[in-house]
Amino acid sequence: MSDVVKKSFGTPDKTMDQVEKMKMDIVKVGGLELPRATAEPGWKWSVHIKPIAKTDICQIEHIIYMVSGSLAILDNKGQETDFVAGEVGHIPPGHDGWTIGNENAVWIDIPH
């Protein structure tokens, strides 16, 4: 039987901040790495991540919980969907994404 584990994104196990206008704080809990993404105003996947990923659009499937701010997703069918704080979403592979407005977009990317 395992013990209860409590973690905080305020003191993450790891922070990834090599990408301009974005950072990921990661906590390890229950055998999972749980990332919290913070994307600053002006962040866009196709501008800031594409050169690193070397794909035209994001090829990762996401399940997200929006903590604060707003995030826009444009799927490969041309449909745009906006996510705001308190919303949960499934984003299939084949999309672009960007921060909406002048507030950071913060979301939890739920491992599945």
Protein backbone atom coordinates (compact mmCIF):
# COMPACT_ATOMS: atom_id res chain seq x y z
CA MET A 1 0.00 0.00 0.00
CA SER A 2 1.36 3.40 -0.91
CA ASP A 3 1.33 6.65 1.01
CA VAL A 4 -0.65 9.77 0.23
CA VAL A 5 1.48 12.15 -1.83
CA LYS A 6 0.97 15.89 -1.99
CA LYS A 7 2.74 18.12 -4.50
CA SER A 8 2.54 21.76 -5.58
CA PHE A 9 3.16 23.44 -8.91
CA GLY A 10 4.66 26.22 -6.74
CA THR A 11 7.62 23.89 -6.17
CA PRO A 12 7.65 21.65 -9.25
CA ASP A 13 9.93 18.65 -9.65
CA LYS A 14 11.07 20.03 -13.00
CA THR A 15 10.62 23.23 -15.03
CA MET A 16 11.08 23.40 -18.79
CA ASP A 17 11.46 26.97 -20.05
CA GLN A 18 13.60 26.69 -23.18
CA VAL A 19 10.76 27.85 -25.45
CA GLU A 20 10.15 31.59 -25.81
CA LYS A 21 6.91 32.75 -24.15
CA MET A 22 6.18 29.34 -22.57
CA LYS A 23 7.17 27.25 -19.61
CA MET A 24 6.11 23.87 -18.26
CA ASP A 25 6.17 23.09 -14.57
CA ILE A 26 6.05 19.35 -13.96
CA VAL A 27 5.15 17.51 -10.78
CA LYS A 28 5.64 13.77 -10.42
CA VAL A 29 2.82 12.05 -8.58
CA GLY A 30 1.27 8.58 -8.63
CA GLY A 31 3.77 7.39 -11.23
CA LEU A 32 2.78 10.20 -13.62
CA GLU A 33 4.40 13.42 -14.72
CA LEU A 34 1.70 16.10 -14.61
CA PRO A 35 2.63 19.23 -16.61
CA ARG A 36 1.21 22.71 -16.10
CA ALA A 37 1.78 24.87 -19.17
CA THR A 38 1.98 28.66 -18.95
CA ALA A 39 1.86 30.43 -22.31
CA GLU A 40 2.39 34.19 -22.35
CA PRO A 41 0.43 36.61 -24.54
CA GLY A 42 1.74 36.31 -28.09
CA TRP A 43 2.63 32.62 -27.77
CA LYS A 44 1.70 30.45 -30.75
CA TRP A 45 2.57 26.79 -31.33
CA SER A 46 3.36 27.30 -35.03
CA VAL A 47 5.78 30.14 -34.21
CA HIS A 48 7.44 28.96 -30.99
CA ILE A 49 7.23 25.13 -31.00
CA LYS A 50 7.15 24.23 -34.71
CA PRO A 51 10.90 24.85 -35.23
CA ILE A 52 11.65 22.45 -32.38
CA ALA A 53 9.00 19.82 -33.21
CA LYS A 54 9.88 19.94 -36.92
CA THR A 55 6.24 19.29 -37.88
CA ASP A 56 3.82 21.75 -39.47
CA ILE A 57 1.20 21.24 -36.74
CA CYS A 58 1.18 19.69 -33.26
CA GLN A 59 0.96 15.90 -33.55
CA ILE A 60 0.31 15.25 -29.85
CA GLU A 61 -3.11 14.37 -28.44
CA HIS A 62 -4.00 16.43 -25.36
CA ILE A 63 -6.56 16.32 -22.62
CA ILE A 64 -6.45 19.69 -20.88
CA TYR A 65 -7.93 21.49 -17.91
CA MET A 66 -7.77 25.28 -18.28
CA VAL A 67 -6.63 26.94 -15.06
CA SER A 68 -6.70 30.57 -16.23
CA GLY A 69 -6.64 32.72 -19.33
CA SER A 70 -7.78 31.66 -22.79
CA LEU A 71 -6.35 29.29 -25.38
CA ALA A 72 -7.40 28.95 -29.04
CA ILE A 73 -7.00 25.72 -31.00
CA LEU A 74 -7.25 25.45 -34.79
CA ASP A 75 -7.67 21.83 -35.87
CA ASN A 76 -6.57 20.36 -39.18
CA LYS A 77 -10.16 20.65 -40.47
CA GLY A 78 -10.09 24.44 -40.02
CA GLN A 79 -12.33 24.54 -36.93
CA GLU A 80 -11.29 26.98 -34.19
CA THR A 81 -12.19 26.22 -30.57
CA ASP A 82 -11.48 28.52 -27.62
CA PHE A 83 -10.92 27.23 -24.09
CA VAL A 84 -11.27 29.37 -20.95
CA ALA A 85 -10.65 28.82 -17.24
CA GLY A 86 -12.62 25.94 -15.76
CA GLU A 87 -13.10 24.10 -19.05
CA VAL A 88 -11.83 20.62 -19.90
CA GLY A 89 -11.05 19.61 -23.46
CA HIS A 90 -9.78 16.89 -25.75
CA ILE A 91 -7.50 18.07 -28.56
CA PRO A 92 -6.65 15.39 -31.12
CA PRO A 93 -3.34 15.36 -33.01
CA GLY A 94 -3.15 17.83 -35.89
CA HIS A 95 -3.66 21.32 -34.51
CA ASP A 96 -2.15 24.75 -33.89
CA GLY A 97 -2.73 26.70 -30.69
CA TRP A 98 -2.19 30.18 -29.29
CA THR A 99 -2.83 32.40 -26.31
CA ILE A 100 -5.84 34.70 -26.62
CA GLY A 101 -5.66 38.21 -25.19
CA ASN A 102 -3.26 39.87 -22.76
CA GLU A 103 -3.33 37.28 -19.96
CA ASN A 104 -1.24 34.13 -19.64
CA ALA A 105 -3.03 30.95 -20.72
CA VAL A 106 -2.43 28.29 -18.06
CA TRP A 107 -3.53 24.68 -18.43
CA ILE A 108 -2.87 21.25 -17.02
CA ASP A 109 -2.06 18.65 -19.68
CA ILE A 110 -3.56 15.46 -18.27
CA PRO A 111 -1.58 12.29 -19.05
CA HIS A 112 -3.67 9.48 -20.51
